[in-house]
Amino acid sequence: MDVGEAVVFVRPVNGVSAGKPGRVIAVADDTVMVECRVRERLKCVLVHTWDVLPERLWERLLKRRTQQ
């Protein structure tokens, strides 16, 4: 993942629900800092890389689920 990349949470983490979009603001080893909107406020969340997916992969996964 790269800084500025759009991501989507794949499971709930630190008060952010699954399916919530955000943007990567920092990357370090296997963790990323993601900025997202929660209740009309910006929130920064430190998560593992396996807790989020790039937005394009998330959309592909949803498309595949609806076709089955």
N, C-alpha and C. Protein backbone atom coordinates (compact mmCIF):
# COMPACT_ATOMS: atom_id res chain seq x y z
N MET A 1 0.84 -1.18 0.00
CA MET A 1 0.00 0.00 0.00
C MET A 1 0.88 1.24 0.00
N ASP A 2 0.35 2.28 -0.59
CA ASP A 2 1.08 3.53 -0.70
C ASP A 2 0.32 4.65 -0.02
N VAL A 3 1.03 5.67 0.39
CA VAL A 3 0.41 6.86 0.98
C VAL A 3 -0.50 7.50 -0.07
N GLY A 4 -1.70 7.87 0.35
CA GLY A 4 -2.68 8.48 -0.54
C GLY A 4 -3.63 7.50 -1.20
N GLU A 5 -3.38 6.21 -1.04
CA GLU A 5 -4.22 5.19 -1.66
C GLU A 5 -5.56 5.08 -0.94
N ALA A 6 -6.64 4.93 -1.71
CA ALA A 6 -7.97 4.75 -1.15
C ALA A 6 -8.13 3.30 -0.72
N VAL A 7 -8.61 3.09 0.52
CA VAL A 7 -8.78 1.75 1.07
C VAL A 7 -10.16 1.63 1.70
N VAL A 8 -10.54 0.38 1.98
CA VAL A 8 -11.81 0.08 2.65
C VAL A 8 -11.53 -0.90 3.78
N PHE A 9 -12.12 -0.66 4.95
CA PHE A 9 -11.96 -1.57 6.09
C PHE A 9 -12.71 -2.86 5.80
N VAL A 10 -12.06 -4.01 6.01
CA VAL A 10 -12.70 -5.30 5.75
C VAL A 10 -13.29 -5.91 7.03
N ARG A 11 -12.95 -5.35 8.18
CA ARG A 11 -13.57 -5.76 9.44
C ARG A 11 -13.53 -4.58 10.40
N PRO A 12 -14.39 -4.57 11.41
CA PRO A 12 -14.43 -3.45 12.35
C PRO A 12 -13.12 -3.32 13.14
N VAL A 13 -12.60 -2.08 13.23
CA VAL A 13 -11.36 -1.81 13.96
C VAL A 13 -11.49 -0.47 14.66
N ASN A 14 -11.25 -0.44 15.96
CA ASN A 14 -11.23 0.81 16.74
C ASN A 14 -12.42 1.74 16.47
N GLY A 15 -13.61 1.18 16.44
CA GLY A 15 -14.80 2.00 16.26
C GLY A 15 -15.14 2.34 14.83
N VAL A 16 -14.40 1.81 13.88
CA VAL A 16 -14.68 2.03 12.46
C VAL A 16 -15.27 0.74 11.91
N SER A 17 -16.44 0.83 11.29
CA SER A 17 -17.12 -0.38 10.82
C SER A 17 -16.55 -0.90 9.51
N ALA A 18 -16.80 -2.17 9.25
CA ALA A 18 -16.38 -2.79 8.00
C ALA A 18 -17.10 -2.12 6.84
N GLY A 19 -16.41 -1.96 5.73
CA GLY A 19 -16.99 -1.32 4.56
C GLY A 19 -16.77 0.18 4.52
N LYS A 20 -16.20 0.75 5.56
CA LYS A 20 -15.95 2.19 5.64
C LYS A 20 -14.73 2.55 4.79
N PRO A 21 -14.85 3.53 3.90
CA PRO A 21 -13.70 3.94 3.09
C PRO A 21 -12.78 4.89 3.85
N GLY A 22 -11.54 4.95 3.42
CA GLY A 22 -10.56 5.85 4.02
C GLY A 22 -9.39 6.06 3.09
N ARG A 23 -8.38 6.78 3.56
CA ARG A 23 -7.20 7.06 2.76
C ARG A 23 -5.96 6.83 3.61
N VAL A 24 -4.98 6.14 3.05
CA VAL A 24 -3.73 5.84 3.75
C VAL A 24 -2.93 7.14 3.90
N ILE A 25 -2.50 7.44 5.14
CA ILE A 25 -1.69 8.64 5.36
C ILE A 25 -0.28 8.31 5.82
N ALA A 26 -0.02 7.05 6.21
CA ALA A 26 1.33 6.63 6.60
C ALA A 26 1.43 5.11 6.52
N VAL A 27 2.64 4.62 6.19
CA VAL A 27 2.89 3.19 6.07
C VAL A 27 4.15 2.86 6.84
N ALA A 28 4.10 1.78 7.64
CA ALA A 28 5.28 1.31 8.38
C ALA A 28 5.17 -0.20 8.57
N ASP A 29 6.07 -0.95 7.95
CA ASP A 29 6.08 -2.41 8.04
C ASP A 29 4.72 -3.00 7.69
N ASP A 30 4.06 -3.66 8.64
CA ASP A 30 2.76 -4.28 8.37
C ASP A 30 1.59 -3.48 8.94
N THR A 31 1.82 -2.21 9.26
CA THR A 31 0.74 -1.35 9.75
C THR A 31 0.61 -0.12 8.87
N VAL A 32 -0.60 0.40 8.83
CA VAL A 32 -0.87 1.62 8.08
C VAL A 32 -1.73 2.55 8.93
N MET A 33 -1.58 3.83 8.73
CA MET A 33 -2.43 4.83 9.37
C MET A 33 -3.45 5.26 8.31
N VAL A 34 -4.72 5.10 8.66
CA VAL A 34 -5.80 5.39 7.73
C VAL A 34 -6.64 6.54 8.28
N GLU A 35 -6.94 7.50 7.43
CA GLU A 35 -7.80 8.62 7.80
C GLU A 35 -9.18 8.37 7.20
N CYS A 36 -10.22 8.46 8.02
CA CYS A 36 -11.58 8.24 7.53
C CYS A 36 -12.55 9.14 8.30
N ARG A 37 -13.76 9.25 7.75
CA ARG A 37 -14.80 10.06 8.40
C ARG A 37 -15.68 9.16 9.26
N VAL A 38 -15.82 9.54 10.52
CA VAL A 38 -16.69 8.82 11.45
C VAL A 38 -17.55 9.87 12.14
N ARG A 39 -18.86 9.76 11.92
CA ARG A 39 -19.81 10.73 12.51
C ARG A 39 -19.41 12.18 12.20
N GLU A 40 -19.19 12.45 10.92
CA GLU A 40 -18.88 13.80 10.43
C GLU A 40 -17.55 14.36 10.93
N ARG A 41 -16.70 13.53 11.52
CA ARG A 41 -15.39 13.98 11.98
C ARG A 41 -14.32 13.09 11.36
N LEU A 42 -13.15 13.67 11.13
CA LEU A 42 -12.03 12.88 10.63
C LEU A 42 -11.40 12.10 11.79
N LYS A 43 -11.06 10.86 11.52
CA LYS A 43 -10.44 10.02 12.54
C LYS A 43 -9.26 9.30 11.90
N CYS A 44 -8.15 9.26 12.60
CA CYS A 44 -6.98 8.52 12.14
C CYS A 44 -6.91 7.22 12.92
N VAL A 45 -6.76 6.11 12.20
CA VAL A 45 -6.77 4.78 12.81
C VAL A 45 -5.52 4.03 12.38
N LEU A 46 -4.81 3.47 13.34
CA LEU A 46 -3.65 2.64 13.06
C LEU A 46 -4.12 1.19 12.96
N VAL A 47 -3.94 0.58 11.79
CA VAL A 47 -4.43 -0.78 11.55
C VAL A 47 -3.35 -1.62 10.88
N HIS A 48 -3.54 -2.92 10.92
CA HIS A 48 -2.66 -3.83 10.19
C HIS A 48 -3.09 -3.85 8.72
N THR A 49 -2.16 -4.18 7.86
CA THR A 49 -2.46 -4.19 6.43
C THR A 49 -3.57 -5.18 6.07
N TRP A 50 -3.75 -6.24 6.87
CA TRP A 50 -4.80 -7.20 6.56
C TRP A 50 -6.19 -6.75 7.03
N ASP A 51 -6.28 -5.60 7.69
CA ASP A 51 -7.57 -5.06 8.11
C ASP A 51 -8.22 -4.18 7.05
N VAL A 52 -7.46 -3.84 6.01
CA VAL A 52 -7.98 -2.98 4.94
C VAL A 52 -7.61 -3.56 3.58
N LEU A 53 -8.42 -3.22 2.57
CA LEU A 53 -8.14 -3.61 1.20
C LEU A 53 -8.13 -2.35 0.34
N PRO A 54 -7.29 -2.32 -0.70
CA PRO A 54 -7.40 -1.21 -1.64
C PRO A 54 -8.81 -1.16 -2.21
N GLU A 55 -9.30 0.04 -2.44
CA GLU A 55 -10.69 0.23 -2.86
C GLU A 55 -11.02 -0.55 -4.14
N ARG A 56 -10.10 -0.61 -5.10
CA ARG A 56 -10.37 -1.32 -6.35
C ARG A 56 -10.56 -2.82 -6.11
N LEU A 57 -9.80 -3.40 -5.17
CA LEU A 57 -9.96 -4.82 -4.85
C LEU A 57 -11.27 -5.07 -4.11
N TRP A 58 -11.65 -4.16 -3.23
CA TRP A 58 -12.92 -4.25 -2.50
C TRP A 58 -14.09 -4.25 -3.48
N GLU A 59 -14.05 -3.33 -4.47
CA GLU A 59 -15.12 -3.25 -5.47
C GLU A 59 -15.19 -4.54 -6.30
N ARG A 60 -14.04 -5.10 -6.64
CA ARG A 60 -14.00 -6.35 -7.40
C ARG A 60 -14.61 -7.49 -6.58
N LEU A 61 -14.30 -7.53 -5.29
CA LEU A 61 -14.86 -8.56 -4.41
C LEU A 61 -16.37 -8.44 -4.32
N LEU A 62 -16.88 -7.22 -4.16
CA LEU A 62 -18.33 -7.02 -4.10
C LEU A 62 -19.02 -7.42 -5.41
N LYS A 63 -18.38 -7.09 -6.51
CA LYS A 63 -18.94 -7.44 -7.81
C LYS A 63 -19.02 -8.95 -7.97
N ARG A 64 -17.97 -9.65 -7.53
CA ARG A 64 -17.95 -11.11 -7.61
C ARG A 64 -19.03 -11.73 -6.75
N ARG A 65 -19.25 -11.16 -5.56
CA ARG A 65 -20.30 -11.69 -4.65
C ARG A 65 -21.68 -11.55 -5.23
N THR A 66 -21.97 -10.45 -5.93
CA THR A 66 -23.31 -10.24 -6.48
C THR A 66 -23.55 -11.10 -7.71
N GLN A 67 -22.49 -11.53 -8.40
CA GLN A 67 -22.64 -12.38 -9.58
C GLN A 67 -22.92 -13.83 -9.20
N GLN A 68 -22.57 -14.23 -8.00
CA GLN A 68 -22.76 -15.64 -7.61
C GLN A 68 -24.14 -15.93 -7.15
